[in-house]
C-alpha atoms as a PDB file:
ATOM      1  CA  MET A   1       4.866 -28.293 -22.211  1.00  0.00           C
ATOM      2  CA  ALA A   2       4.432 -26.024 -19.189  1.00  0.00           C
ATOM      3  CA  GLN A   3       1.076 -25.908 -17.519  1.00  0.00           C
ATOM      4  CA  LYS A   4      -0.555 -22.484 -17.658  1.00  0.00           C
ATOM      5  CA  ILE A   5      -1.500 -20.944 -14.326  1.00  0.00           C
ATOM      6  CA  GLN A   6      -5.157 -20.092 -13.985  1.00  0.00           C
ATOM      7  CA  LYS A   7      -7.030 -17.696 -11.782  1.00  0.00           C
ATOM      8  CA  THR A   8     -10.691 -17.731 -10.712  1.00  0.00           C
ATOM      9  CA  CYS A   9     -12.806 -14.703 -11.616  1.00  0.00           C
ATOM     10  CA  HIS A  10     -14.254 -13.083  -8.479  1.00  0.00           C
ATOM     11  CA  LYS A  11     -17.412 -12.120 -10.379  1.00  0.00           C
ATOM     12  CA  CYS A  12     -18.434 -15.229 -12.357  1.00  0.00           C
ATOM     13  CA  HIS A  13     -16.109 -17.816 -10.717  1.00  0.00           C
ATOM     14  CA  LYS A  14     -14.869 -19.152 -14.064  1.00  0.00           C
ATOM     15  CA  LYS A  15     -11.185 -19.918 -14.542  1.00  0.00           C
ATOM     16  CA  TYR A  16      -8.959 -17.932 -16.909  1.00  0.00           C
ATOM     17  CA  GLU A  17      -5.225 -17.703 -17.567  1.00  0.00           C
ATOM     18  CA  ILE A  18      -3.187 -15.268 -15.506  1.00  0.00           C
ATOM     19  CA  GLY A  19      -2.216 -12.296 -17.640  1.00  0.00           C
ATOM     20  CA  ASN A  20      -5.566 -12.305 -19.452  1.00  0.00           C
ATOM     21  CA  ASN A  21      -8.913 -10.864 -18.464  1.00  0.00           C
ATOM     22  CA  CYS A  22     -11.937 -13.038 -17.798  1.00  0.00           C
ATOM     23  CA  SER A  23     -14.353 -13.173 -20.738  1.00  0.00           C
ATOM     24  CA  CYS A  24     -17.130 -11.859 -18.482  1.00  0.00           C
ATOM     25  CA  LEU A  25     -15.374  -8.521 -17.863  1.00  0.00           C
ATOM     26  CA  ASN A  26     -17.272  -6.549 -20.524  1.00  0.00           C
ATOM     27  CA  LYS A  27     -20.587  -8.076 -19.428  1.00  0.00           C
ATOM     28  CA  HIS A  28     -20.043  -7.014 -15.811  1.00  0.00           C
ATOM     29  CA  ASN A  29     -18.940  -3.508 -16.791  1.00  0.00           C
ATOM     30  CA  LYS A  30     -22.103  -3.131 -18.889  1.00  0.00           C
ATOM     31  CA  GLN A  31     -24.278  -4.348 -15.989  1.00  0.00           C
ATOM     32  CA  MET A  32     -22.673  -1.838 -13.611  1.00  0.00           C
ATOM     33  CA  GLN A  33     -23.316   0.989 -16.073  1.00  0.00           C
ATOM     34  CA  GLU A  34     -26.969  -0.075 -16.314  1.00  0.00           C
ATOM     35  CA  ILE A  35     -27.314  -0.256 -12.521  1.00  0.00           C
ATOM     36  CA  GLN A  36     -25.638   3.092 -11.908  1.00  0.00           C
ATOM     37  CA  GLY A  37     -27.016   4.796 -14.987  1.00  0.00           C
ATOM     38  CA  THR A  38     -25.013   6.557 -17.640  1.00  0.00           C
ATOM     39  CA  GLY A  39     -22.952   9.309 -16.075  1.00  0.00           C
ATOM     40  CA  ASP A  40     -24.375   8.623 -12.581  1.00  0.00           C
ATOM     41  CA  ARG A  41     -21.513   9.297 -10.200  1.00  0.00           C
ATOM     42  CA  PHE A  42     -23.645   9.040  -7.028  1.00  0.00           C
ATOM     43  CA  TYR A  43     -22.307   5.633  -5.931  1.00  0.00           C
ATOM     44  CA  ILE A  44     -18.695   6.835  -6.054  1.00  0.00           C
ATOM     45  CA  SER A  45     -19.336  10.164  -4.315  1.00  0.00           C
ATOM     46  CA  THR A  46     -17.698  10.805  -0.932  1.00  0.00           C
ATOM     47  CA  PRO A  47     -21.000  11.523   0.887  1.00  0.00           C
ATOM     48  CA  TRP A  48     -22.473   8.197  -0.320  1.00  0.00           C
ATOM     49  CA  ILE A  49     -19.363   6.174   0.548  1.00  0.00           C
ATOM     50  CA  LYS A  50     -19.256   7.619   4.085  1.00  0.00           C
ATOM     51  CA  LEU A  51     -23.005   7.238   4.651  1.00  0.00           C
ATOM     52  CA  ARG A  52     -22.999   3.678   3.275  1.00  0.00           C
ATOM     53  CA  LYS A  53     -20.408   2.662   5.893  1.00  0.00           C
ATOM     54  CA  GLN A  54     -22.474   4.297   8.639  1.00  0.00           C
ATOM     55  CA  ILE A  55     -25.673   2.532   7.530  1.00  0.00           C
ATOM     56  CA  ILE A  56     -23.975  -0.874   7.496  1.00  0.00           C
ATOM     57  CA  TYR A  57     -22.588  -0.182  10.984  1.00  0.00           C
ATOM     58  CA  ARG A  58     -26.000   1.063  12.197  1.00  0.00           C
ATOM     59  CA  ASP A  59     -27.686  -2.114  10.928  1.00  0.00           C
ATOM     60  CA  GLY A  60     -25.230  -4.451  12.661  1.00  0.00           C
ATOM     61  CA  ALA A  61     -23.313  -5.360   9.500  1.00  0.00           C
ATOM     62  CA  HIS A  62     -25.803  -7.986   8.349  1.00  0.00           C
ATOM     63  CA  CYS A  63     -28.650  -8.249   5.854  1.00  0.00           C
ATOM     64  CA  LYS A  64     -31.822  -7.049   7.553  1.00  0.00           C
ATOM     65  CA  ARG A  65     -34.081  -8.859   5.071  1.00  0.00           C
ATOM     66  CA  CYS A  66     -32.371 -12.239   5.551  1.00  0.00           C
ATOM     67  CA  TYR A  67     -32.626 -11.766   9.307  1.00  0.00           C
ATOM     68  CA  HIS A  68     -36.274 -10.697   9.459  1.00  0.00           C
ATOM     69  CA  LYS A  69     -37.698 -12.915   6.716  1.00  0.00           C
ATOM     70  CA  PHE A  70     -35.571 -16.057   7.056  1.00  0.00           C
ATOM     71  CA  GLY A  71     -33.915 -15.883  10.511  1.00  0.00           C
ATOM     72  CA  ILE A  72     -30.440 -15.914   8.939  1.00  0.00           C
ATOM     73  CA  ILE A  73     -27.584 -13.591   9.858  1.00  0.00           C
ATOM     74  CA  ASN A  74     -25.978 -12.986   6.460  1.00  0.00           C
ATOM     75  CA  THR A  75     -22.855 -10.805   6.483  1.00  0.00           C
ATOM     76  CA  SER A  76     -21.639 -11.355   2.925  1.00  0.00           C
ATOM     77  CA  ASN A  77     -22.000  -9.078  -0.124  1.00  0.00           C
ATOM     78  CA  LEU A  78     -23.644  -6.266   1.861  1.00  0.00           C
ATOM     79  CA  GLN A  79     -25.203  -3.349   0.024  1.00  0.00           C
ATOM     80  CA  VAL A  80     -27.311  -0.390   1.102  1.00  0.00           C
ATOM     81  CA  HIS A  81     -30.827  -0.356  -0.327  1.00  0.00           C
ATOM     82  CA  HIS A  82     -32.903   2.779  -0.938  1.00  0.00           C
ATOM     83  CA  ILE A  83     -36.382   2.028   0.437  1.00  0.00           C
ATOM     84  CA  ILE A  84     -37.863   4.787  -1.720  1.00  0.00           C
ATOM     85  CA  ALA A  85     -35.886   4.578  -4.956  1.00  0.00           C
ATOM     86  CA  ARG A  86     -33.626   7.442  -6.023  1.00  0.00           C
ATOM     87  CA  SER A  87     -35.570   7.621  -9.277  1.00  0.00           C
ATOM     88  CA  VAL A  88     -38.777   8.284  -7.329  1.00  0.00           C
ATOM     89  CA  ASN A  89     -37.487  10.834  -4.797  1.00  0.00           C
ATOM     90  CA  LYS A  90     -33.963  12.193  -5.271  1.00  0.00           C
ATOM     91  CA  ALA A  91     -34.233  14.232  -2.043  1.00  0.00           C
ATOM     92  CA  LEU A  92     -34.131  10.993  -0.009  1.00  0.00           C
ATOM     93  CA  GLU A  93     -30.992   9.517  -1.594  1.00  0.00           C
ATOM     94  CA  LEU A  94     -28.819  10.461   1.433  1.00  0.00           C
ATOM     95  CA  GLU A  95     -31.548  10.216   4.100  1.00  0.00           C
ATOM     96  CA  PRO A  96     -30.549   7.540   6.676  1.00  0.00           C
ATOM     97  CA  THR A  97     -34.180   6.605   7.414  1.00  0.00           C
ATOM     98  CA  ASN A  98     -34.596   5.729   3.714  1.00  0.00           C
ATOM     99  CA  LEU A  99     -31.649   3.310   3.736  1.00  0.00           C
ATOM    100  CA  VAL A 100     -31.294  -0.256   4.947  1.00  0.00           C
ATOM    101  CA  THR A 101     -28.506  -2.850   4.759  1.00  0.00           C
ATOM    102  CA  VAL A 102     -29.261  -5.898   2.634  1.00  0.00           C
ATOM    103  CA  CYS A 103     -27.195  -8.531   0.843  1.00  0.00           C
ATOM    104  CA  LYS A 104     -26.717  -8.365  -2.907  1.00  0.00           C
ATOM    105  CA  THR A 105     -29.287 -11.141  -3.515  1.00  0.00           C
ATOM    106  CA  CYS A 106     -31.963  -9.394  -1.460  1.00  0.00           C
ATOM    107  CA  ASN A 107     -31.181  -6.038  -3.057  1.00  0.00           C
ATOM    108  CA  LEU A 108     -31.672  -7.521  -6.520  1.00  0.00           C
ATOM    109  CA  GLN A 109     -34.905  -9.244  -5.429  1.00  0.00           C
ATOM    110  CA  LEU A 110     -36.282  -6.031  -3.896  1.00  0.00           C
ATOM    111  CA  GLY A 111     -35.437  -3.892  -6.917  1.00  0.00           C
ATOM    112  CA  THR A 112     -37.174  -0.530  -6.532  1.00  0.00           C
ATOM    113  CA  ASN A 113     -40.110  -1.942  -4.561  1.00  0.00           C
ATOM    114  CA  GLY A 114     -39.181  -0.724  -1.061  1.00  0.00           C
ATOM    115  CA  VAL A 115     -38.945  -3.476   1.538  1.00  0.00           C
ATOM    116  CA  ASP A 116     -41.076  -6.566   2.121  1.00  0.00           C
ATOM    117  CA  TRP A 117     -40.738  -7.001   5.889  1.00  0.00           C
ATOM    118  CA  ASP A 118     -41.982  -5.094   8.946  1.00  0.00           C
ATOM    119  CA  ARG A 119     -39.357  -2.552  10.017  1.00  0.00           C
ATOM    120  CA  GLN A 120     -41.305  -1.309  13.065  1.00  0.00           C
ATOM    121  CA  ASN A 121     -39.524  -3.633  15.537  1.00  0.00           C
ATOM    122  CA  GLU A 122     -35.984  -2.939  14.349  1.00  0.00           C
ATOM    123  CA  ILE A 123     -33.576  -1.327  16.775  1.00  0.00           C
ATOM    124  CA  LYS A 124     -32.891   2.209  15.613  1.00  0.00           C
ATOM    125  CA  ILE A 125     -29.489   3.832  16.144  1.00  0.00           C
ATOM    126  CA  ASP A 126     -29.272   7.503  15.267  1.00  0.00           C
ATOM    127  CA  ILE A 127     -26.441   8.482  12.977  1.00  0.00           C
ATOM    128  CA  THR A 128     -25.452  11.863  11.676  1.00  0.00           C
ATOM    129  CA  PRO A 129     -24.882  11.807   7.925  1.00  0.00           C
ATOM    130  CA  CYS A 130     -21.465  13.030   6.738  1.00  0.00           C
ATOM    131  CA  LEU A 131     -22.284  15.350   3.876  1.00  0.00           C
END
């Protein structure tokens, strides 16, 4: 009997047979819909994608929270966090001063609570948003 080739899921790291989908696929799709909101196309919009890249570049391509709170330079799973949540003030959703680069873990821990470190001593690089 031939051995079936397996692949590791990049989301949950479980193994599944090639040609099939991982059993976690529906769970992850549901989580993404909850995070982005039903019908919320903001995170796939061209202005957001361009600005996100600029913010990560501006912040040195590492998690600012890991660096300031723990002294670690973490460059994996980077996301851009809204300091004042989009649900609180929609006018600030593309404002560079309202955005900061964090890793996925820190972003989930921060939620919609702003930031929990002093940002006064961070080096600021001006960027012009591409709208």
